[in-house]
Amino acid sequence: MGDAASEVAGEVVAAIDCGTNSTRLLVTDGEHTIQRLMHITRLGEGVDATGRLAPAAIDRTLAVLADYRRVMDDHGVSRVRMTATSAARDATNRDDFFGPATTAIGTEPELLSGLEEGRLAFAGATADLDRGDGPFLIADIGGGSTELIIGTDEPVGVYSMDVGCVRLTERFVHHDPAQPEELVDALREVRDQIEDAVRAVPALETPARMVGLAGTVTTVAAVEIGLATYDRDRIHHFWLTRAAAEDVYRTLATQHRADRLGNPGLEEARADVIVGGCVVLVALLRFFDSEGCLVSEADILDGLAMSLLRAG
């Protein structure tokens, strides 16, 4: 996190993102990252088909939130923002999660719209980028949705697509490994939604650099590098070429789940949805004819923390 929060450095704040696939925590004082944690809880499991959060998914996420509360207490966190995104937006029973989550953390989850999610992701991802390299196309590939944000200093356009690694997997991938026609259908769905995005936000057509966020992108980068052990410094701002992304996609999509786990950089909990995520990433690179994307480990969590520190 950078100079924007320097005047209040010293106060410890936290940001929690309850996503469709993972639940993540950032603890920071504005100058230093004190703790950054991620657990795959699959809050959005089955939501695309049922429109409801499953009790087991709620329980998994609440157990992680209880652990995060203990981490925050250990570090003396004074303020926290907790957000919920695609899965909660789509679920008719989100209050079954929001009530216990409020009790666990001590603050109520904020239900973000796709536009709000995109703006926060843009703030986090671009905080340490050279504005001379802009405009940037931020692609935040989540479990249930993918946010596309275009801008240099500020977002000039935001669009939320209902495609993500969990949603695409549950909707299209019914075999292991995926059958070719399943992948074709998934790619067509993503392309159709990108076309909708560009019609709604024409500025998306002219980015100078694509920046990829979230677990799918960082996992593809880790597999390309061959990272047996997670190393944020090697992943953050790694340049992932389109050719490399295509190669990782072909490899993972043609392997059985057990074989996919042999790829260094792919964690077991993500193995069943990574192909769906790769479909989104590859479709974006193809549609925009990008040479590659800059991988960023800074995202909505960083944007949330910055908002707290700037508020003072």
Protein backbone atom coordinates (compact mmCIF):
# COMPACT_ATOMS: atom_id res chain seq x y z
CA MET A 1 0.00 0.00 0.00
CA GLY A 2 1.36 3.39 -0.85
CA ASP A 3 1.65 7.05 0.10
CA ALA A 4 -2.07 7.74 -0.06
CA ALA A 5 -2.51 6.28 3.39
CA SER A 6 0.77 7.45 4.87
CA GLU A 7 -0.73 10.21 6.99
CA VAL A 8 -2.56 7.62 9.08
CA ALA A 9 0.08 4.89 9.03
CA GLY A 10 0.17 3.14 12.36
CA GLU A 11 -3.53 2.43 12.71
CA VAL A 12 -4.18 -1.22 11.94
CA VAL A 13 -7.22 -1.95 9.79
CA ALA A 14 -8.58 -5.05 8.11
CA ALA A 15 -10.48 -5.94 4.96
CA ILE A 16 -12.40 -9.16 4.39
CA ASP A 17 -13.79 -10.30 1.06
CA CYS A 18 -16.37 -13.10 1.14
CA GLY A 19 -16.29 -14.20 -2.47
CA THR A 20 -17.99 -16.99 -4.36
CA ASN A 21 -14.92 -19.23 -4.21
CA SER A 22 -12.67 -17.85 -1.47
CA THR A 23 -12.78 -15.86 1.76
CA ARG A 24 -9.80 -13.55 2.19
CA LEU A 25 -8.34 -11.26 4.84
CA LEU A 26 -5.90 -8.35 4.67
CA VAL A 27 -4.52 -6.73 7.82
CA THR A 28 -2.43 -3.59 7.21
CA ASP A 29 -1.29 -0.33 8.75
CA GLY A 30 -1.20 1.39 5.38
CA GLU A 31 2.55 1.05 4.99
CA HIS A 32 3.03 -2.63 5.72
CA THR A 33 1.02 -5.76 5.03
CA ILE A 34 0.75 -7.39 8.44
CA GLN A 35 -1.26 -10.43 7.40
CA ARG A 36 -2.83 -11.66 4.18
CA LEU A 37 -4.81 -14.88 4.30
CA MET A 38 -6.97 -16.83 1.87
CA HIS A 39 -9.14 -19.91 2.33
CA ILE A 40 -11.25 -21.52 -0.36
CA THR A 41 -14.68 -21.83 1.25
CA ARG A 42 -16.85 -22.05 -1.89
CA LEU A 43 -19.63 -19.87 -0.44
CA GLY A 44 -21.27 -19.83 -3.86
CA GLU A 45 -21.43 -23.59 -4.28
CA GLY A 46 -24.66 -24.40 -6.10
CA VAL A 47 -25.97 -20.83 -6.07
CA ASP A 48 -26.11 -20.60 -9.87
CA ALA A 49 -28.55 -23.53 -9.96
CA THR A 50 -30.53 -23.01 -6.75
CA GLY A 51 -30.40 -19.27 -6.08
CA ARG A 52 -29.57 -20.07 -2.45
CA LEU A 53 -26.49 -20.33 -0.25
CA ALA A 54 -26.04 -23.93 0.90
CA PRO A 55 -25.91 -24.47 4.69
CA ALA A 56 -22.60 -26.33 4.42
CA ALA A 57 -21.09 -23.47 2.40
CA ILE A 58 -22.26 -20.95 5.00
CA ASP A 59 -20.76 -23.05 7.79
CA ARG A 60 -17.40 -23.33 6.01
CA THR A 61 -17.22 -19.59 5.53
CA LEU A 62 -18.28 -18.77 9.08
CA ALA A 63 -15.58 -21.08 10.48
CA VAL A 64 -12.96 -19.13 8.52
CA LEU A 65 -14.42 -15.80 9.65
CA ALA A 66 -14.09 -16.93 13.27
CA ASP A 67 -10.41 -17.63 12.64
CA TYR A 68 -10.02 -14.22 10.98
CA ARG A 69 -11.56 -12.51 14.01
CA ARG A 70 -8.89 -14.08 16.19
CA VAL A 71 -6.16 -12.94 13.80
CA MET A 72 -7.53 -9.38 13.83
CA ASP A 73 -7.69 -9.36 17.63
CA ASP A 74 -4.09 -10.58 17.81
CA HIS A 75 -2.97 -7.64 15.64
CA GLY A 76 -5.07 -4.97 17.34
CA VAL A 77 -7.29 -4.16 14.37
CA SER A 78 -9.31 -1.02 15.05
CA ARG A 79 -11.64 -1.00 12.04
CA VAL A 80 -12.73 -3.52 9.42
CA ARG A 81 -14.72 -3.58 6.20
CA MET A 82 -16.23 -6.90 5.16
CA THR A 83 -17.82 -7.32 1.76
CA ALA A 84 -19.83 -9.99 -0.01
CA THR A 85 -20.01 -10.18 -3.77
CA SER A 86 -21.46 -12.37 -6.53
CA ALA A 87 -22.73 -15.38 -4.56
CA ALA A 88 -24.47 -13.19 -1.99
CA ARG A 89 -25.90 -10.94 -4.72
CA ASP A 90 -27.54 -13.96 -6.33
CA ALA A 91 -28.77 -15.70 -3.16
CA THR A 92 -32.29 -15.18 -1.85
CA ASN A 93 -31.22 -16.38 1.62
CA ARG A 94 -28.14 -14.18 2.04
CA ASP A 95 -29.39 -13.11 5.48
CA ASP A 96 -28.75 -16.67 6.67
CA PHE A 97 -25.09 -15.81 6.18
CA PHE A 98 -25.07 -12.09 6.93
CA GLY A 99 -26.47 -12.42 10.47
CA PRO A 100 -23.93 -14.96 11.76
CA ALA A 101 -21.12 -13.24 9.83
CA THR A 102 -21.93 -9.97 11.59
CA THR A 103 -21.76 -11.76 14.93
CA ALA A 104 -18.46 -13.43 14.04
CA ILE A 105 -16.66 -10.27 12.87
CA GLY A 106 -18.48 -7.50 14.70
CA THR A 107 -19.42 -5.60 11.56
CA GLU A 108 -22.08 -6.29 8.97
CA PRO A 109 -21.04 -7.49 5.51
CA GLU A 110 -21.53 -4.94 2.76
CA LEU A 111 -23.32 -6.36 -0.27
CA LEU A 112 -21.38 -4.87 -3.16
CA SER A 113 -22.83 -4.33 -6.59
CA GLY A 114 -20.68 -5.37 -9.52
CA LEU A 115 -19.88 -1.69 -10.14
CA GLU A 116 -18.77 -1.11 -6.55
CA GLU A 117 -16.71 -4.29 -6.62
CA GLY A 118 -15.01 -3.15 -9.82
CA ARG A 119 -14.15 0.30 -8.50
CA LEU A 120 -12.57 -1.12 -5.35
CA ALA A 121 -10.62 -3.67 -7.39
CA PHE A 122 -9.36 -0.89 -9.68
CA ALA A 123 -8.21 1.20 -6.71
CA GLY A 124 -6.27 -1.71 -5.24
CA ALA A 125 -4.76 -2.99 -8.48
CA THR A 126 -3.56 0.37 -9.82
CA ALA A 127 -2.19 1.85 -6.59
CA ASP A 128 1.38 0.83 -7.42
CA LEU A 129 1.22 1.02 -11.23
CA ASP A 130 2.87 3.66 -13.40
CA ARG A 131 0.03 5.76 -14.75
CA GLY A 132 2.07 6.30 -17.90
CA ASP A 133 1.37 2.67 -18.81
CA GLY A 134 -2.39 3.28 -18.81
CA PRO A 135 -5.17 3.11 -19.61
CA PHE A 136 -5.51 -0.23 -17.86
CA LEU A 137 -8.06 -2.94 -18.44
CA ILE A 138 -8.50 -4.55 -15.04
CA ALA A 139 -9.93 -8.07 -15.28
CA ASP A 140 -11.01 -9.35 -11.87
CA ILE A 141 -11.92 -13.01 -12.45
CA GLY A 142 -13.89 -14.24 -9.48
CA GLY A 143 -15.88 -17.35 -8.68
CA GLY A 144 -19.28 -16.08 -9.77
CA SER A 145 -18.57 -12.90 -11.70
CA THR A 146 -15.82 -11.15 -13.60
CA GLU A 147 -15.45 -7.38 -13.36
CA LEU A 148 -13.94 -5.43 -16.25
CA ILE A 149 -12.74 -1.93 -15.40
CA ILE A 150 -11.06 0.54 -17.75
CA GLY A 151 -9.21 3.68 -16.71
CA THR A 152 -5.91 5.30 -15.85
CA ASP A 153 -6.21 7.45 -12.73
CA GLU A 154 -9.87 6.62 -12.12
CA PRO A 155 -12.28 4.09 -13.63
CA VAL A 156 -14.04 5.51 -16.69
CA GLY A 157 -16.06 2.35 -17.25
CA VAL A 158 -17.02 -0.70 -15.19
CA TYR A 159 -18.93 -3.80 -16.28
CA SER A 160 -19.74 -6.94 -14.30
CA MET A 161 -20.15 -10.19 -16.21
CA ASP A 162 -21.92 -13.22 -14.73
CA VAL A 163 -19.05 -15.57 -15.49
CA GLY A 164 -16.45 -16.91 -13.08
CA CYS A 165 -14.54 -20.08 -12.31
CA VAL A 166 -17.27 -21.63 -10.13
CA ARG A 167 -20.26 -20.50 -12.19
CA LEU A 168 -18.78 -21.72 -15.50
CA THR A 169 -17.68 -25.03 -14.00
CA GLU A 170 -21.10 -25.75 -12.52
CA ARG A 171 -22.90 -24.67 -15.68
CA PHE A 172 -20.76 -26.24 -18.41
CA VAL A 173 -18.12 -28.68 -17.14
CA HIS A 174 -19.75 -32.02 -16.33
CA HIS A 175 -16.89 -34.40 -17.14
CA ASP A 176 -13.33 -34.90 -15.91
CA PRO A 177 -11.51 -33.89 -17.96
CA ALA A 178 -13.88 -31.49 -19.65
CA GLN A 179 -15.17 -32.59 -23.04
CA PRO A 180 -14.27 -30.36 -26.01
CA GLU A 181 -17.87 -29.32 -26.59
CA GLU A 182 -18.18 -28.25 -22.94
CA LEU A 183 -15.17 -25.98 -23.33
CA VAL A 184 -16.48 -24.59 -26.63
CA ASP A 185 -19.83 -23.77 -25.00
CA ALA A 186 -18.12 -22.14 -22.01
CA LEU A 187 -15.85 -20.06 -24.25
CA ARG A 188 -18.85 -18.97 -26.33
CA GLU A 189 -20.70 -17.88 -23.19
CA VAL A 190 -17.76 -15.76 -22.03
CA ARG A 191 -17.29 -14.23 -25.47
CA ASP A 192 -20.97 -13.33 -25.65
CA GLN A 193 -20.76 -11.59 -22.31
CA ILE A 194 -17.58 -9.72 -23.28
CA GLU A 195 -19.38 -8.48 -26.40
CA ASP A 196 -22.20 -7.24 -24.15
CA ALA A 197 -19.61 -5.51 -21.97
CA VAL A 198 -17.99 -3.71 -24.90
CA ARG A 199 -21.37 -2.59 -26.24
CA ALA A 200 -22.21 -1.16 -22.82
CA VAL A 201 -18.74 0.34 -22.19
CA PRO A 202 -17.06 1.13 -25.54
CA ALA A 203 -13.92 2.38 -23.78
CA LEU A 204 -13.11 -1.25 -22.95
CA GLU A 205 -11.97 -1.77 -26.53
CA THR A 206 -8.86 0.39 -26.24
CA PRO A 207 -6.78 -0.65 -23.20
CA ALA A 208 -3.02 -0.13 -23.19
CA ARG A 209 -2.38 -2.96 -20.73
CA MET A 210 -4.47 -5.77 -19.27
CA VAL A 211 -4.08 -6.42 -15.55
CA GLY A 212 -5.39 -9.73 -14.22
CA LEU A 213 -6.58 -10.17 -10.64
CA ALA A 214 -7.69 -12.97 -8.32
CA GLY A 215 -7.04 -16.65 -7.87
CA THR A 216 -7.44 -17.91 -11.41
CA VAL A 217 -4.86 -15.49 -12.79
CA THR A 218 -2.37 -15.95 -9.96
CA THR A 219 -2.74 -19.72 -10.19
CA VAL A 220 -2.09 -19.76 -13.95
CA ALA A 221 0.99 -17.60 -13.29
CA ALA A 222 2.16 -19.95 -10.53
CA VAL A 223 1.73 -22.99 -12.78
CA GLU A 224 3.60 -21.24 -15.60
CA ILE A 225 6.46 -20.36 -13.24
CA GLY A 226 6.35 -23.80 -11.63
CA LEU A 227 6.04 -22.47 -8.08
CA ALA A 228 5.98 -25.43 -5.73
CA THR A 229 5.65 -22.99 -2.80
CA TYR A 230 3.60 -19.80 -2.95
CA ASP A 231 5.75 -16.69 -3.37
CA ARG A 232 3.82 -13.44 -3.63
CA ASP A 233 6.86 -11.46 -4.75
CA ARG A 234 7.35 -13.72 -7.77
CA ILE A 235 3.68 -13.62 -8.78
CA HIS A 236 2.90 -9.93 -8.20
CA HIS A 237 3.52 -8.05 -11.45
CA PHE A 238 4.60 -11.18 -13.30
CA TRP A 239 4.01 -10.73 -17.04
CA LEU A 240 1.86 -13.66 -18.17
CA THR A 241 2.02 -13.96 -21.94
CA ARG A 242 -1.02 -15.00 -23.92
CA ALA A 243 0.92 -17.98 -25.27
CA ALA A 244 1.75 -19.11 -21.74
CA ALA A 245 -1.86 -18.71 -20.59
CA GLU A 246 -3.06 -20.74 -23.58
CA ASP A 247 -0.50 -23.44 -22.83
CA VAL A 248 -1.51 -23.71 -19.16
CA TYR A 249 -5.17 -23.81 -20.21
CA ARG A 250 -4.59 -26.64 -22.71
CA THR A 251 -2.60 -28.60 -20.15
CA LEU A 252 -5.10 -28.29 -17.30
CA ALA A 253 -8.19 -28.73 -19.48
CA THR A 254 -7.00 -32.06 -20.88
CA GLN A 255 -5.92 -33.59 -17.57
CA HIS A 256 -7.95 -35.50 -15.03
CA ARG A 257 -8.22 -33.73 -11.68
CA ALA A 258 -5.69 -36.08 -10.08
CA ASP A 259 -3.19 -35.31 -12.84
CA ARG A 260 -3.81 -31.56 -12.63
CA LEU A 261 -2.62 -31.71 -9.03
CA GLY A 262 0.81 -32.67 -10.32
CA ASN A 263 1.31 -29.14 -11.65
CA PRO A 264 3.35 -27.06 -9.16
CA GLY A 265 1.40 -23.92 -8.30
CA LEU A 266 -2.08 -25.47 -8.35
CA GLU A 267 -3.57 -25.94 -4.90
CA GLU A 268 -5.89 -28.89 -4.39
CA ALA A 269 -8.93 -26.83 -3.38
CA ARG A 270 -8.85 -24.97 -6.70
CA ALA A 271 -8.26 -27.97 -8.95
CA ASP A 272 -11.92 -28.61 -9.76
CA VAL A 273 -12.69 -25.04 -10.90
CA ILE A 274 -9.42 -23.84 -12.41
CA VAL A 275 -10.38 -24.91 -15.95
CA GLY A 276 -13.50 -22.76 -15.76
CA GLY A 277 -11.36 -19.84 -14.63
CA CYS A 278 -8.88 -20.46 -17.44
CA VAL A 279 -11.75 -20.25 -19.92
CA VAL A 280 -12.51 -16.71 -18.75
CA LEU A 281 -8.86 -15.64 -18.87
CA VAL A 282 -8.19 -17.12 -22.31
CA ALA A 283 -11.43 -15.72 -23.72
CA LEU A 284 -10.46 -12.24 -22.53
CA LEU A 285 -6.95 -12.45 -24.00
CA ARG A 286 -8.34 -13.69 -27.30
CA PHE A 287 -11.16 -11.16 -27.54
CA PHE A 288 -8.95 -8.16 -26.85
CA ASP A 289 -6.05 -9.67 -28.84
CA SER A 290 -3.76 -9.00 -25.88
CA GLU A 291 -0.14 -10.12 -25.87
CA GLY A 292 -0.58 -11.00 -22.22
CA CYS A 293 -1.57 -9.57 -18.89
CA LEU A 294 0.18 -8.16 -15.85
CA VAL A 295 -0.61 -10.35 -12.86
CA SER A 296 -1.54 -8.41 -9.74
CA GLU A 297 -1.85 -9.66 -6.17
CA ALA A 298 -3.29 -6.26 -5.20
CA ASP A 299 -7.06 -6.16 -5.62
CA ILE A 300 -10.36 -5.43 -3.87
CA LEU A 301 -8.86 -6.16 -0.43
CA ASP A 302 -6.28 -3.43 -0.95
CA GLY A 303 -9.00 -1.08 -2.21
CA LEU A 304 -11.10 -1.75 0.90
CA ALA A 305 -8.16 -1.14 3.24
CA MET A 306 -7.24 2.08 1.41
CA SER A 307 -10.80 3.34 1.82
CA LEU A 308 -10.59 2.82 5.60
CA LEU A 309 -7.21 4.52 5.95
CA ARG A 310 -8.19 7.47 3.80
CA ALA A 311 -11.33 7.95 5.85
CA GLY A 312 -9.13 8.42 8.91
